[in-house]
């Protein structure tokens, strides 16, 4: 049954015009089809955006496909590179590294997960790394890239990929996309919020110019301050800083001075970690750290000393409180991005959580009655997604042998959430990886971090024994050989980019004689 016209949401107002705001504008204007819907985005140029996030996870590809975005055009205009995963350096022990890939390790044999067979053969004396059975790990090590195969039987089908791009260019790209679909941008600083005296619902935002922007549904993409969701509606915030100690980040771009790699690097430092994100026209860098263990000046000095090339700007400081809004949808306001919560950028989940909120909102888009059940289900799903990302982040800090600085000693010995302790115990004892219907990180992701940071199962699934040692050894040798051969046949990441999606930014600079 179609809704009565009087019940339909007809005016959506988005507060904030950074990445979150324009993702919401692009998603709602494309995914929610309604001829009588108007979408208006209010943004003041006087209020800056954080704009340091540049790495993503594979789900962004599915979002782009839903919006009909052409991959080559998108990558060219955002100076993007491909991302096969994240390399972690010095997290378990100094001098040790591993890659968390977007792809599988081997394949199930006899209905038993590959890692159980690997643990079994390791007990028999096989010294091969589990990385030998992961195509995206080997591609990362050799800086190679090719598109995944559509043939599910081929080893080249066993990986996915994401992007590393310029966040400012991405927001501009989505702005053009959204405005072409009817989204109207209004420049102006919000100085007041009008609420219904009886229900408390937001009815309008008032601009410094005196203009009143009315709406039925409001999207709060105003960043950490949460202009509507917190300052107006007092939705509350659940802090997780006792588990995730990092509360500051310095960010700065620099010139590239090394191979263009198809992965992000996260290097553990004395009181946090440093990121390296290679784009086609520069490298993004940052130091995420705990102000309880390191001063801002010392963190800045460390970051600047570790850059691979000359800095292209002054470092930007970001302060944050890790946690989640207690209600991400309250009354007729839905918070997305930093207004809804913040989980540090270790796993590049910020853009994913924004896009997840937008797609869930489209599925549950209310009418003017604003049913409590829709609101409750949205809040349940989003809170659960944040919690499960939180547990995965904590694993990286807690599963370490490092005790060389006060920060790492704290992380290694701290009490962790029961939900994570349960997962770690099951894996450590029998190699069991807890899977859920909801939650972004799947079995290969947990496996990568467990093994990479020294959480090795004491035993394996006994069903693995149905295959003889000799047959299993032959299979593993054959699979490792297929991985190696497939990678050897691929072009370099740099060569693939040059052929597939050369940066429009680099081309413009070259034409102007800048590079």
Protein backbone atom coordinates (compact mmCIF):
# COMPACT_ATOMS: atom_id res chain seq x y z
CA UNK A 1 0.00 0.00 0.00
CA UNK A 2 1.40 3.37 -0.98
CA UNK A 3 1.69 6.03 1.68
CA UNK A 4 -0.67 8.97 1.81
CA UNK A 5 1.04 12.04 0.38
CA UNK A 6 0.59 13.86 3.68
CA UNK A 7 2.56 11.13 5.49
CA UNK A 8 5.64 11.25 3.26
CA UNK A 9 8.91 12.87 4.19
CA UNK A 10 9.21 15.74 1.72
CA UNK A 11 12.04 17.88 3.11
CA UNK A 12 15.39 16.52 4.23
CA UNK A 13 17.94 18.95 5.65
CA UNK A 14 21.59 17.89 5.97
CA UNK A 15 23.64 19.92 8.44
CA UNK A 16 27.33 19.81 7.47
CA UNK A 17 29.13 19.54 4.16
CA UNK A 18 32.21 17.41 4.74
CA UNK A 19 32.60 13.83 3.53
CA UNK A 20 29.71 12.65 5.73
CA UNK A 21 27.32 15.33 4.54
CA UNK A 22 27.98 14.77 0.86
CA UNK A 23 27.82 10.97 1.21
CA UNK A 24 24.37 11.44 2.75
CA UNK A 25 23.36 13.86 0.01
CA UNK A 26 24.59 11.57 -2.76
CA UNK A 27 23.09 8.44 -1.23
CA UNK A 28 19.67 9.88 -0.42
CA UNK A 29 19.32 11.68 -3.75
CA UNK A 30 20.15 8.49 -5.64
CA UNK A 31 18.74 5.65 -3.55
CA UNK A 32 15.49 7.22 -2.33
CA UNK A 33 13.31 7.80 -5.36
CA UNK A 34 10.63 10.42 -4.82
CA UNK A 35 9.64 13.23 -7.16
CA UNK A 36 8.33 15.40 -4.33
CA UNK A 37 11.39 15.07 -2.04
CA UNK A 38 13.70 18.05 -1.60
CA UNK A 39 17.17 17.67 -0.08
CA UNK A 40 19.02 20.71 1.19
CA UNK A 41 22.54 20.75 2.59
CA UNK A 42 23.56 23.61 4.89
CA UNK A 43 27.28 24.27 5.24
CA UNK A 44 29.36 27.23 6.34
CA UNK A 45 32.75 27.64 4.68
CA UNK A 46 33.86 29.36 7.88
CA UNK A 47 33.61 26.03 9.68
CA UNK A 48 36.35 23.66 8.57
CA UNK A 49 36.06 19.90 8.10
CA UNK A 50 38.32 17.22 9.53
CA UNK A 51 39.08 15.83 6.06
CA UNK A 52 42.03 13.59 6.92
CA UNK A 53 40.49 10.18 6.23
CA UNK A 54 41.81 8.78 2.98
CA UNK A 55 41.72 4.98 3.23
CA UNK A 56 38.62 2.80 2.88
CA UNK A 57 37.36 -0.78 3.04
CA UNK A 58 35.88 -2.83 0.15
CA UNK A 59 32.26 -2.01 0.97
CA UNK A 60 32.76 1.41 -0.64
CA UNK A 61 32.78 -0.32 -4.02
CA UNK A 62 29.29 -1.70 -3.42
CA UNK A 63 28.04 1.74 -2.37
CA UNK A 64 29.53 3.29 -5.51
CA UNK A 65 27.91 0.63 -7.68
CA UNK A 66 24.52 1.35 -6.09
CA UNK A 67 24.99 5.00 -6.98
CA UNK A 68 26.09 4.15 -10.53
CA UNK A 69 29.51 5.76 -10.08
CA UNK A 70 32.06 4.88 -12.76
CA UNK A 71 35.18 3.51 -11.04
CA UNK A 72 37.74 4.93 -13.46
CA UNK A 73 36.24 8.40 -13.42
CA UNK A 74 35.99 8.37 -9.63
CA UNK A 75 39.60 7.21 -9.18
CA UNK A 76 40.99 9.70 -11.67
CA UNK A 77 39.24 12.66 -10.08
CA UNK A 78 40.17 11.70 -6.50
CA UNK A 79 43.78 10.69 -7.34
CA UNK A 80 43.00 7.25 -5.95
CA UNK A 81 45.12 4.15 -5.63
CA UNK A 82 44.03 0.58 -4.98
CA UNK A 83 44.11 -0.86 -1.47
CA UNK A 84 44.54 -4.60 -0.88
CA UNK A 85 44.81 -4.35 2.90
CA UNK A 86 46.85 -2.86 5.73
CA UNK A 87 50.43 -3.63 6.68
CA UNK A 88 51.04 -3.60 10.45
CA UNK A 89 54.62 -2.96 11.54
CA UNK A 90 55.96 -3.42 15.11
CA UNK A 91 52.57 -4.20 16.66
CA UNK A 92 53.29 -7.55 18.29
CA UNK A 93 57.04 -7.10 18.54
CA UNK A 94 59.43 -4.53 17.13
CA UNK A 95 60.81 -5.65 13.79
CA UNK A 96 57.80 -7.87 13.04
CA UNK A 97 55.14 -7.09 10.43
CA UNK A 98 52.10 -8.65 8.83
CA UNK A 99 49.39 -7.73 6.33
CA UNK A 100 45.67 -7.74 7.06
CA UNK A 101 44.41 -8.52 3.53
CA UNK A 102 41.05 -8.05 1.88
CA UNK A 103 40.86 -11.69 0.92
CA UNK A 104 41.08 -15.31 1.94
CA UNK A 105 43.83 -17.57 3.23
CA UNK A 106 43.67 -20.75 1.18
CA UNK A 107 40.27 -22.35 0.89
CA UNK A 108 38.31 -24.87 2.99
CA UNK A 109 39.36 -28.48 2.52
CA UNK A 110 36.94 -31.26 3.34
CA UNK A 111 34.55 -28.72 4.83
CA UNK A 112 37.18 -27.51 7.33
CA UNK A 113 38.55 -23.97 7.33
CA UNK A 114 42.02 -23.66 5.82
CA UNK A 115 43.64 -22.23 8.95
CA UNK A 116 42.88 -25.45 10.85
CA UNK A 117 44.88 -27.40 8.25
CA UNK A 118 47.68 -24.83 8.45
CA UNK A 119 47.84 -25.16 12.26
CA UNK A 120 47.89 -28.96 11.92
CA UNK A 121 50.78 -28.95 9.42
CA UNK A 122 52.61 -26.37 11.53
CA UNK A 123 52.52 -28.87 14.38
CA UNK A 124 54.01 -31.40 11.97
CA UNK A 125 56.97 -29.09 11.31
CA UNK A 126 55.81 -27.14 8.24
CA UNK A 127 57.47 -23.71 8.54
CA UNK A 128 55.58 -21.88 5.81
CA UNK A 129 53.82 -18.68 6.79
CA UNK A 130 50.07 -18.54 6.39
CA UNK A 131 50.79 -15.54 4.13
CA UNK A 132 52.05 -17.96 1.47
CA UNK A 133 48.41 -18.94 0.92
CA UNK A 134 46.98 -15.44 0.56
CA UNK A 135 46.93 -13.83 -2.88
CA UNK A 136 46.38 -10.23 -1.66
CA UNK A 137 49.22 -10.54 0.87
CA UNK A 138 51.63 -11.64 -1.85
CA UNK A 139 50.33 -8.93 -4.20
CA UNK A 140 50.99 -6.37 -1.46
CA UNK A 141 54.51 -7.63 -0.82
CA UNK A 142 55.35 -7.36 -4.52
CA UNK A 143 53.34 -4.15 -5.18
CA UNK A 144 51.36 -5.86 -7.95
CA UNK A 145 47.73 -5.40 -8.97
CA UNK A 146 45.12 -6.84 -11.32
CA UNK A 147 41.34 -7.02 -11.16
CA UNK A 148 39.79 -10.01 -9.36
CA UNK A 149 38.59 -12.85 -11.58
CA UNK A 150 34.86 -13.47 -11.88
CA UNK A 151 35.56 -17.22 -12.06
CA UNK A 152 35.01 -18.39 -8.48
CA UNK A 153 37.23 -21.43 -9.13
CA UNK A 154 40.27 -19.29 -9.94
CA UNK A 155 42.78 -18.21 -7.29
CA UNK A 156 42.47 -14.68 -8.71
CA UNK A 157 38.90 -14.58 -7.37
CA UNK A 158 40.05 -14.88 -3.74
CA UNK A 159 40.55 -11.20 -2.98
CA UNK A 160 38.77 -7.87 -2.96
CA UNK A 161 40.04 -4.30 -2.84
CA UNK A 162 39.23 -0.82 -1.63
CA UNK A 163 40.61 2.63 -2.41
CA UNK A 164 43.01 5.19 -1.01
CA UNK A 165 42.02 8.68 -2.14
CA UNK A 166 42.06 12.38 -1.36
CA UNK A 167 39.15 12.95 1.06
CA UNK A 168 38.69 16.56 -0.03
CA UNK A 169 38.47 15.55 -3.68
CA UNK A 170 36.05 12.76 -2.74
CA UNK A 171 33.71 15.21 -1.00
CA UNK A 172 33.88 17.50 -4.05
CA UNK A 173 33.14 14.55 -6.34
CA UNK A 174 30.07 13.58 -4.33
CA UNK A 175 28.94 17.20 -4.17
CA UNK A 176 28.89 17.41 -7.96
CA UNK A 177 27.08 14.06 -8.09
CA UNK A 178 24.45 15.13 -5.53
CA UNK A 179 23.86 18.59 -7.00
CA UNK A 180 23.32 17.02 -10.43
CA UNK A 181 20.47 15.07 -8.80
CA UNK A 182 18.77 18.07 -7.31
CA UNK A 183 20.45 18.56 -3.92
CA UNK A 184 20.59 22.27 -3.05
CA UNK A 185 23.54 23.61 -1.05
CA UNK A 186 23.00 26.61 1.21
CA UNK A 187 25.95 28.59 2.53
CA UNK A 188 25.55 29.83 6.06
CA UNK A 189 26.42 29.42 9.71
CA UNK A 190 23.67 27.95 11.89
CA UNK A 191 22.95 30.18 14.88
CA UNK A 192 19.74 28.63 16.17
CA UNK A 193 17.54 25.55 16.14
CA UNK A 194 13.74 25.66 16.30
CA UNK A 195 12.01 22.76 18.07
CA UNK A 196 8.38 21.79 18.42
CA UNK A 197 7.29 22.87 21.89
CA UNK A 198 5.35 19.64 22.52
CA UNK A 199 7.37 16.88 20.82
CA UNK A 200 10.87 18.35 20.88
CA UNK A 201 11.25 17.49 17.18
CA UNK A 202 13.52 19.81 15.21
CA UNK A 203 11.46 21.97 12.89
CA UNK A 204 14.11 24.27 11.40
CA UNK A 205 17.62 25.60 11.64
CA UNK A 206 18.18 29.34 11.69
CA UNK A 207 21.10 30.84 9.76
CA UNK A 208 23.23 33.83 10.68
CA UNK A 209 21.59 35.70 7.81
CA UNK A 210 18.20 35.23 9.46
CA UNK A 211 17.01 32.65 6.94
CA UNK A 212 14.98 29.80 8.44
CA UNK A 213 15.54 26.39 6.81
CA UNK A 214 12.63 24.09 7.61
CA UNK A 215 12.66 20.32 7.28
CA UNK A 216 10.86 17.08 8.13
CA UNK A 217 13.96 14.92 8.63
CA UNK A 218 17.36 16.30 9.65
CA UNK A 219 20.73 14.61 9.05
CA UNK A 220 23.37 15.76 11.54
CA UNK A 221 26.75 15.65 9.78
CA UNK A 222 28.15 18.52 11.84
CA UNK A 223 31.15 16.61 13.14
CA UNK A 224 32.22 16.08 16.73
CA UNK A 225 30.09 18.92 18.07
CA UNK A 226 26.84 17.14 17.08
CA UNK A 227 24.90 20.38 16.67
CA UNK A 228 21.50 18.70 16.49
CA UNK A 229 21.95 15.22 17.94
CA UNK A 230 23.80 16.36 21.08
CA UNK A 231 23.76 20.11 21.54
CA UNK A 232 20.03 20.25 20.81
CA UNK A 233 18.62 16.81 21.66
CA UNK A 234 21.10 15.75 24.38
CA UNK A 235 21.32 12.16 23.07
CA UNK A 236 24.28 11.18 25.24
CA UNK A 237 27.63 9.60 24.42
CA UNK A 238 29.10 6.23 25.42
CA UNK A 239 32.88 6.57 25.80
CA UNK A 240 35.33 3.75 25.12
CA UNK A 241 38.55 5.60 25.88
CA UNK A 242 39.48 3.21 28.72
CA UNK A 243 39.98 0.51 26.07
CA UNK A 244 41.08 2.67 23.16
CA UNK A 245 43.52 5.09 24.75
CA UNK A 246 44.41 7.13 21.67
CA UNK A 247 42.65 10.51 21.73
CA UNK A 248 44.74 12.73 19.43
CA UNK A 249 46.07 12.64 15.89
CA UNK A 250 48.42 14.80 13.86
CA UNK A 251 47.91 14.59 10.09
CA UNK A 252 50.06 15.93 7.27
CA UNK A 253 50.55 15.19 3.54
CA UNK A 254 53.99 14.82 2.04
CA UNK A 255 55.66 14.18 -1.30
CA UNK A 256 56.02 10.55 -2.28
CA UNK A 257 59.56 9.21 -2.24
CA UNK A 258 59.05 5.47 -2.62
CA UNK A 259 57.09 2.81 -4.49
CA UNK A 260 53.37 3.42 -4.88
CA UNK A 261 52.07 0.55 -2.77
CA UNK A 262 48.57 -1.00 -2.97
CA UNK A 263 48.10 -0.97 0.80
CA UNK A 264 48.00 1.31 3.81
CA UNK A 265 50.77 1.02 6.41
CA UNK A 266 50.23 1.33 10.18
CA UNK A 267 53.48 1.46 12.15
CA UNK A 268 53.32 1.19 15.94
CA UNK A 269 55.06 4.03 17.79
CA UNK A 270 55.82 4.57 21.48
CA UNK A 271 52.35 5.86 22.34
CA UNK A 272 50.19 4.95 19.37
CA UNK A 273 50.75 4.40 15.66
CA UNK A 274 51.59 6.20 12.43
CA UNK A 275 49.71 5.82 9.16
CA UNK A 276 51.02 5.99 5.60
CA UNK A 277 48.45 6.20 2.80
CA UNK A 278 49.88 6.43 -0.75
CA UNK A 279 47.84 8.37 -3.31
CA UNK A 280 48.78 9.07 -6.91
CA UNK A 281 49.81 12.67 -6.19
CA UNK A 282 51.08 12.50 -2.59
CA UNK A 283 51.26 10.45 0.60
CA UNK A 284 48.94 10.94 3.57
CA UNK A 285 50.56 10.60 7.00
CA UNK A 286 49.40 10.82 10.58
CA UNK A 287 50.31 9.91 14.14
CA UNK A 288 47.42 8.65 16.28
CA UNK A 289 48.48 8.79 19.92
CA UNK A 290 47.40 8.95 23.55
CA UNK A 291 47.83 12.30 25.26
CA UNK A 292 48.04 10.39 28.56
CA UNK A 293 51.37 8.93 27.46
CA UNK A 294 52.80 11.50 25.03
CA UNK A 295 52.67 15.28 24.62
CA UNK A 296 51.27 16.86 21.48
CA UNK A 297 54.62 18.51 20.70
CA UNK A 298 56.52 15.22 21.01
CA UNK A 299 54.00 13.43 18.80
CA UNK A 300 54.26 16.17 16.17
CA UNK A 301 58.05 15.98 16.21
CA UNK A 302 57.97 12.19 15.79
CA UNK A 303 55.59 12.40 12.84
CA UNK A 304 57.58 15.08 11.02
CA UNK A 305 60.83 13.19 11.56
CA UNK A 306 59.38 10.02 10.02
CA UNK A 307 58.04 11.50 6.75
CA UNK A 308 59.45 10.01 3.57
CA UNK A 309 59.42 13.31 1.69
CA UNK A 310 58.96 17.07 2.21
CA UNK A 311 55.72 18.04 3.97
CA UNK A 312 53.18 19.76 1.73
CA UNK A 313 51.33 21.59 4.52
CA UNK A 314 51.44 22.31 8.21
CA UNK A 315 50.30 19.37 10.37
CA UNK A 316 46.65 19.42 11.40
CA UNK A 317 45.66 18.38 14.94
CA UNK A 318 42.56 16.31 15.63
CA UNK A 319 41.28 15.69 19.17
CA UNK A 320 38.61 13.06 19.74
CA UNK A 321 36.83 10.90 22.29
CA UNK A 322 36.43 7.33 21.14
CA UNK A 323 32.89 6.07 21.55
CA UNK A 324 29.40 6.15 20.12
CA UNK A 325 26.29 8.27 20.47
CA UNK A 326 23.75 6.52 22.69
CA UNK A 327 21.05 7.36 20.16
CA UNK A 328 22.22 7.91 16.61
CA UNK A 329 18.61 8.48 15.58
CA UNK A 330 16.72 10.63 18.07
CA UNK A 331 13.27 12.08 17.29
CA UNK A 332 13.59 13.32 13.68
CA UNK A 333 17.39 13.70 13.68
CA UNK A 334 19.80 11.05 12.37
CA UNK A 335 23.51 11.52 13.14
CA UNK A 336 26.16 10.23 10.75
CA UNK A 337 29.92 10.47 10.62
CA UNK A 338 31.70 12.08 13.56
CA UNK A 339 28.38 13.32 14.97
CA UNK A 340 27.34 9.69 15.52
CA UNK A 341 30.55 8.46 17.12
CA UNK A 342 34.22 7.98 16.47
CA UNK A 343 36.41 4.91 16.14
CA UNK A 344 40.01 5.76 15.38
CA UNK A 345 41.18 5.28 11.77
CA UNK A 346 43.20 2.10 12.34
CA UNK A 347 40.90 -0.02 10.16
CA UNK A 348 39.64 2.74 7.83
CA UNK A 349 36.02 2.20 8.88
CA UNK A 350 34.81 5.82 9.13
CA UNK A 351 33.49 6.12 5.58
CA UNK A 352 32.05 2.61 5.75
CA UNK A 353 30.04 3.47 8.87
CA UNK A 354 28.73 6.63 7.19
CA UNK A 355 27.62 4.70 4.12
CA UNK A 356 26.13 1.96 6.27
CA UNK A 357 24.08 4.55 8.16
CA UNK A 358 22.84 6.07 4.90
CA UNK A 359 21.82 2.74 3.35
CA UNK A 360 20.11 1.62 6.58
CA UNK A 361 18.27 4.93 6.75
CA UNK A 362 17.06 4.52 3.17
CA UNK A 363 15.72 1.06 4.04
CA UNK A 364 13.95 2.40 7.15
CA UNK A 365 13.15 5.89 5.90
CA UNK A 366 10.30 7.07 8.07
CA UNK A 367 7.13 8.89 7.21
CA UNK A 368 5.84 11.85 9.16
CA UNK A 369 4.67 9.56 11.97
CA UNK A 370 8.30 8.61 12.81
CA UNK A 371 7.60 5.10 14.07
CA UNK A 372 9.57 4.19 17.20
CA UNK A 373 10.25 0.66 15.87
CA UNK A 374 12.14 2.02 12.84
CA UNK A 375 14.18 4.30 15.05
CA UNK A 376 14.94 1.54 17.57
CA UNK A 377 16.02 -0.93 14.90
CA UNK A 378 18.31 1.61 13.25
CA UNK A 379 19.92 2.41 16.60
CA UNK A 380 20.29 -1.29 17.45
CA UNK A 381 22.02 -2.14 14.18
CA UNK A 382 24.35 0.86 14.19
CA UNK A 383 25.33 0.45 17.84
CA UNK A 384 26.11 -3.21 17.19
CA UNK A 385 28.27 -2.32 14.18
CA UNK A 386 30.22 0.19 16.26
CA UNK A 387 30.70 -2.32 19.09
CA UNK A 388 32.06 -5.01 16.82
CA UNK A 389 34.47 -2.63 15.13
CA UNK A 390 35.50 -1.51 18.63
CA UNK A 391 36.34 -5.07 19.68
CA UNK A 392 38.40 -5.61 16.54
CA UNK A 393 40.36 -2.41 17.19
CA UNK A 394 41.04 -3.37 20.81
CA UNK A 395 42.43 -6.72 19.64
CA UNK A 396 45.27 -4.94 17.83
CA UNK A 397 46.39 -3.15 20.98
CA UNK A 398 45.83 -5.95 23.48
CA UNK A 399 47.29 -8.89 21.53
CA UNK A 400 50.90 -7.76 21.85
CA UNK A 401 54.09 -8.84 23.52
CA UNK A 402 55.36 -5.28 23.73
CA UNK A 403 56.18 -3.95 27.18
CA UNK A 404 58.88 -1.48 26.14
CA UNK A 405 56.79 1.68 26.76
CA UNK A 406 54.13 2.55 29.36
CA UNK A 407 51.50 2.83 26.60
CA UNK A 408 52.03 -0.69 25.27
CA UNK A 409 52.35 -2.15 28.74
CA UNK A 410 48.95 -0.66 29.60
CA UNK A 411 47.35 -2.04 26.42
CA UNK A 412 48.85 -5.49 26.91
CA UNK A 413 47.62 -5.83 30.51
CA UNK A 414 44.29 -3.96 30.41
CA UNK A 415 40.95 -5.66 31.03
CA UNK A 416 39.11 -6.08 27.73
CA UNK A 417 35.37 -6.36 26.97
CA UNK A 418 33.85 -9.77 27.70
CA UNK A 419 32.73 -10.00 24.08
CA UNK A 420 36.35 -9.82 22.88
CA UNK A 421 37.76 -12.03 25.65
CA UNK A 422 35.30 -14.72 24.60
CA UNK A 423 36.37 -14.51 20.95
CA UNK A 424 40.08 -14.65 21.80
CA UNK A 425 39.69 -17.66 24.11
CA UNK A 426 37.82 -19.69 21.51
CA UNK A 427 40.45 -18.98 18.88
CA UNK A 428 43.43 -19.56 21.16
CA UNK A 429 42.12 -22.94 22.30
CA UNK A 430 40.76 -24.51 19.12
CA UNK A 431 41.05 -22.03 16.28
CA UNK A 432 37.35 -21.18 16.37
CA UNK A 433 36.51 -17.79 14.82
CA UNK A 434 33.23 -16.37 16.09
CA UNK A 435 30.98 -15.29 13.23
CA UNK A 436 27.89 -13.09 13.43
CA UNK A 437 25.17 -12.14 10.99
CA UNK A 438 25.83 -8.46 11.71
CA UNK A 439 29.28 -6.92 11.89
CA UNK A 440 31.71 -5.84 9.21
CA UNK A 441 34.90 -7.85 9.85
CA UNK A 442 34.63 -11.44 8.70
CA UNK A 443 36.69 -14.57 9.40
CA UNK A 444 39.78 -13.76 7.27
CA UNK A 445 40.16 -10.37 9.00
CA UNK A 446 40.12 -11.84 12.49
CA UNK A 447 42.46 -14.61 11.34
CA UNK A 448 44.97 -12.11 9.94
CA UNK A 449 45.22 -10.16 13.19
CA UNK A 450 45.18 -13.21 15.47
CA UNK A 451 48.03 -14.92 13.62
CA UNK A 452 49.86 -11.68 12.82
CA UNK A 453 49.96 -10.69 16.48
CA UNK A 454 50.92 -14.05 17.88
CA UNK A 455 47.57 -15.53 18.92
CA UNK A 456 48.19 -19.06 17.62
CA UNK A 457 45.65 -21.84 18.27
CA UNK A 458 46.80 -24.57 20.63
CA UNK A 459 44.78 -27.12 18.68
CA UNK A 460 42.77 -27.49 15.48
CA UNK A 461 39.49 -28.95 14.27
CA UNK A 462 39.85 -32.76 14.56
CA UNK A 463 37.91 -33.15 11.30
CA UNK A 464 41.09 -32.01 9.59
CA UNK A 465 42.47 -35.49 10.31
CA UNK A 466 40.15 -37.00 7.70
CA UNK A 467 42.77 -35.94 5.15
CA UNK A 468 46.18 -37.60 5.26
CA UNK A 469 49.32 -35.59 5.94
CA UNK A 470 50.64 -36.44 2.49
CA UNK A 471 47.48 -35.37 0.65
CA UNK A 472 47.26 -32.15 2.66
CA UNK A 473 50.92 -31.33 2.04
CA UNK A 474 50.42 -31.78 -1.72
CA UNK A 475 47.34 -29.56 -1.69
CA UNK A 476 49.07 -26.79 0.25
CA UNK A 477 52.14 -26.87 -1.99
CA UNK A 478 49.91 -26.71 -5.07
CA UNK A 479 47.87 -23.81 -3.70
CA UNK A 480 50.96 -21.80 -2.68
CA UNK A 481 52.33 -22.36 -6.18
CA UNK A 482 49.13 -21.04 -7.77
CA UNK A 483 49.30 -17.92 -5.61
CA UNK A 484 52.92 -17.28 -6.55
CA UNK A 485 52.32 -17.80 -10.27
CA UNK A 486 49.27 -15.55 -10.29
CA UNK A 487 51.15 -12.69 -8.65
CA UNK A 488 54.16 -13.05 -10.95
CA UNK A 489 51.88 -12.63 -13.97
CA UNK A 490 50.40 -9.33 -12.72
CA UNK A 491 51.61 -5.84 -13.66
CA UNK A 492 52.97 -3.51 -11.02
CA UNK A 493 50.46 -1.44 -9.10
CA UNK A 494 51.94 1.76 -10.56
CA UNK A 495 51.71 0.43 -14.13
CA UNK A 496 48.11 -0.68 -13.64
CA UNK A 497 47.13 2.75 -12.30
CA UNK A 498 48.80 4.52 -15.21
CA UNK A 499 46.86 2.40 -17.69
CA UNK A 500 43.53 2.23 -15.84
CA UNK A 501 42.96 5.53 -14.02
CA UNK A 502 45.81 8.09 -14.20
CA UNK A 503 45.21 10.90 -11.73
CA UNK A 504 43.55 14.02 -13.10
CA UNK A 505 45.34 15.95 -10.34
CA UNK A 506 48.77 14.77 -11.49
CA UNK A 507 47.86 15.49 -15.12
CA UNK A 508 46.81 19.07 -14.30
CA UNK A 509 49.98 19.67 -12.30
CA UNK A 510 52.13 18.26 -15.08
CA UNK A 511 50.43 20.51 -17.61
CA UNK A 512 51.04 23.50 -15.33
CA UNK A 513 54.68 22.51 -14.91
CA UNK A 514 54.35 21.70 -11.20
CA UNK A 515 55.56 18.12 -11.54
